[in-house]
Protein backbone atom coordinates (compact mmCIF):
# COMPACT_ATOMS: atom_id res chain seq x y z
CA MET A 1 -83.52 -32.97 -8.59
CA LYS A 2 -80.90 -30.25 -8.49
CA PHE A 3 -79.71 -29.39 -5.02
CA GLY A 4 -76.38 -27.85 -5.99
CA PRO A 5 -73.97 -26.70 -6.59
CA ILE A 6 -72.55 -29.46 -4.37
CA HIS A 7 -68.90 -29.58 -3.35
CA VAL A 8 -66.72 -30.88 -0.53
CA ASP A 9 -66.87 -28.25 2.19
CA HIS A 10 -64.64 -29.87 4.79
CA ILE A 11 -63.34 -33.06 6.32
CA GLY A 12 -63.87 -33.30 10.08
CA ILE A 13 -61.12 -34.91 12.13
CA ALA A 14 -61.68 -35.86 15.77
CA THR A 15 -58.77 -35.17 18.10
CA HIS A 16 -58.11 -35.14 21.83
CA ASN A 17 -56.16 -31.88 21.58
CA LEU A 18 -56.46 -29.14 18.94
CA ASP A 19 -52.99 -27.76 19.54
CA GLU A 20 -51.24 -31.11 19.15
CA ALA A 21 -53.30 -32.00 16.08
CA SER A 22 -52.66 -28.64 14.42
CA ASN A 23 -48.92 -29.08 13.98
CA PHE A 24 -49.12 -31.29 10.88
CA TRP A 25 -51.63 -29.03 9.09
CA ARG A 26 -49.44 -25.99 9.80
CA LEU A 27 -46.34 -27.80 8.51
CA LEU A 28 -48.28 -28.80 5.40
CA GLY A 29 -48.87 -25.11 4.75
CA LEU A 30 -52.62 -24.91 5.17
CA ASN A 31 -54.06 -21.56 6.22
CA GLU A 32 -55.25 -21.58 9.84
CA GLY A 33 -58.53 -19.87 10.67
CA SER A 34 -58.42 -16.73 12.78
CA GLU A 35 -59.95 -18.26 15.92
CA ASP A 36 -61.35 -21.45 17.38
CA GLU A 37 -65.08 -21.80 17.93
CA ILE A 38 -66.99 -23.64 20.63
CA VAL A 39 -70.28 -25.10 19.38
CA ARG A 40 -72.05 -25.72 22.69
CA GLU A 41 -75.00 -27.61 21.18
CA GLN A 42 -72.56 -30.24 19.85
CA GLY A 43 -70.09 -30.11 22.74
CA VAL A 44 -67.13 -29.41 20.50
CA LYS A 45 -64.33 -26.92 19.98
CA THR A 46 -63.40 -26.49 16.31
CA ARG A 47 -60.39 -25.18 14.42
CA PHE A 48 -60.38 -24.83 10.63
CA PHE A 49 -57.50 -25.04 8.16
CA SER A 50 -58.04 -24.06 4.51
CA THR A 51 -56.41 -25.18 1.32
CA SER A 52 -55.29 -22.46 -1.04
CA THR A 53 -56.61 -24.26 -4.13
CA GLY A 54 -59.77 -26.11 -5.03
CA GLN A 55 -62.01 -23.18 -4.33
CA VAL A 56 -65.65 -23.38 -5.33
CA ASN A 57 -67.50 -20.06 -5.34
CA GLY A 58 -64.59 -18.52 -3.41
CA HIS A 59 -64.74 -21.17 -0.68
CA PRO A 60 -61.73 -23.48 -0.27
CA THR A 61 -61.99 -27.05 0.95
CA GLN A 62 -61.17 -27.13 4.65
CA ILE A 63 -59.92 -29.44 7.39
CA GLU A 64 -61.96 -29.09 10.59
CA LEU A 65 -60.28 -30.29 13.76
CA LEU A 66 -62.79 -31.31 16.43
CA GLU A 67 -61.95 -31.45 20.15
CA PRO A 68 -64.69 -32.55 22.56
CA THR A 69 -65.62 -30.25 25.42
CA SER A 70 -66.38 -33.37 27.51
CA GLN A 71 -66.33 -37.15 27.15
CA ASP A 72 -70.13 -37.51 26.89
CA THR A 73 -70.37 -35.50 23.65
CA PRO A 74 -70.61 -37.03 20.16
CA ILE A 75 -66.91 -36.32 19.50
CA GLY A 76 -65.91 -37.55 22.96
CA LYS A 77 -67.80 -40.81 22.35
CA PHE A 78 -66.30 -41.13 18.87
CA LEU A 79 -62.78 -40.79 20.31
CA ASP A 80 -63.50 -43.36 23.04
CA LYS A 81 -64.81 -45.85 20.50
CA ARG A 82 -62.53 -45.26 17.49
CA GLY A 83 -59.71 -42.97 18.53
CA PRO A 84 -58.51 -39.90 16.62
CA GLY A 85 -59.21 -39.70 12.91
CA ILE A 86 -61.69 -38.74 10.23
CA GLN A 87 -65.09 -38.33 11.84
CA GLN A 88 -67.15 -36.91 8.97
CA LEU A 89 -67.18 -35.70 5.39
CA CYS A 90 -69.14 -32.50 4.75
CA PHE A 91 -70.72 -31.36 1.50
CA ASN A 92 -71.92 -27.81 0.88
CA VAL A 93 -75.20 -27.86 -1.01
CA GLY A 94 -77.37 -25.24 -2.63
CA ASP A 95 -80.72 -26.41 -1.20
CA LEU A 96 -80.31 -28.18 2.14
CA VAL A 97 -84.00 -28.45 3.01
CA GLY A 98 -84.86 -29.76 -0.46
CA LEU A 99 -82.04 -32.31 -0.36
CA ILE A 100 -83.06 -33.58 3.09
CA GLY A 101 -86.62 -34.13 1.83
CA TYR A 102 -85.35 -35.87 -1.30
CA LEU A 103 -83.07 -38.18 0.70
CA LEU A 104 -85.85 -39.03 3.17
CA ASP A 105 -88.27 -39.72 0.31
CA ASN A 106 -85.72 -42.17 -1.09
CA GLY A 107 -85.21 -44.18 2.09
CA ILE A 108 -82.06 -42.51 3.40
CA THR A 109 -81.82 -42.40 7.19
CA MET A 110 -81.07 -38.92 8.47
CA ILE A 111 -79.80 -38.01 11.93
CA ASP A 112 -81.30 -34.54 11.39
CA ASN A 113 -84.61 -34.37 9.53
CA VAL A 114 -84.46 -30.58 9.74
CA PRO A 115 -81.37 -28.35 9.65
CA ARG A 116 -79.74 -27.11 12.83
CA LYS A 117 -76.97 -24.59 13.48
CA GLY A 118 -73.35 -25.72 13.26
CA ALA A 119 -69.92 -24.09 13.31
CA GLY A 120 -69.79 -20.66 11.72
CA GLY A 121 -73.57 -20.31 12.09
CA LYS A 122 -74.15 -22.52 9.03
CA ASP A 123 -77.24 -24.69 8.71
CA ILE A 124 -76.24 -28.36 8.90
CA ALA A 125 -77.80 -31.82 8.85
CA PHE A 126 -76.20 -35.22 9.29
CA VAL A 127 -76.90 -38.37 7.25
CA HIS A 128 -76.71 -41.59 9.28
CA PRO A 129 -73.66 -43.75 8.41
CA LYS A 130 -75.86 -46.82 7.84
CA SER A 131 -77.17 -45.10 4.70
CA THR A 132 -73.75 -44.08 3.35
CA GLY A 133 -71.65 -47.21 3.64
CA GLY A 134 -70.34 -46.36 7.09
CA VAL A 135 -69.35 -42.71 6.59
CA LEU A 136 -70.93 -39.93 8.65
CA VAL A 137 -71.91 -37.32 6.06
CA GLU A 138 -72.66 -33.76 7.04
CA LEU A 139 -74.60 -31.51 4.68
CA THR A 140 -74.34 -27.75 5.03
CA GLN A 141 -75.67 -24.61 3.45
CA ALA A 142 -74.24 -21.19 4.27
């Protein structure tokens, strides 16, 4: 049952405005990504900030700021219901398809039973919060 290596890839933070939300992360000294990305399938505009330490296989843990492209998107609905804040915790895994099957076989409720494309063209799948103690968990594999 090895699906690793597994490490924290990023923490997703929902915000109404990327520019306003970016100020703190810049002041903290995190490295801002070169450009924002719109992920149309999810109705979100993303901006990444990287730590300079804690790298696993050359990949630092990141903060992903998430701005909805409209109110009727998952991030727009999250903001309406809960306001700005941590929206998801993402783990990078070595075998995404194998891990999804393993989780399903063990009674875990998945939002995505098969991977789909996320920011940066990575394969992603979400685990339903009712199976994780209330935390939306994203799984990704580059």
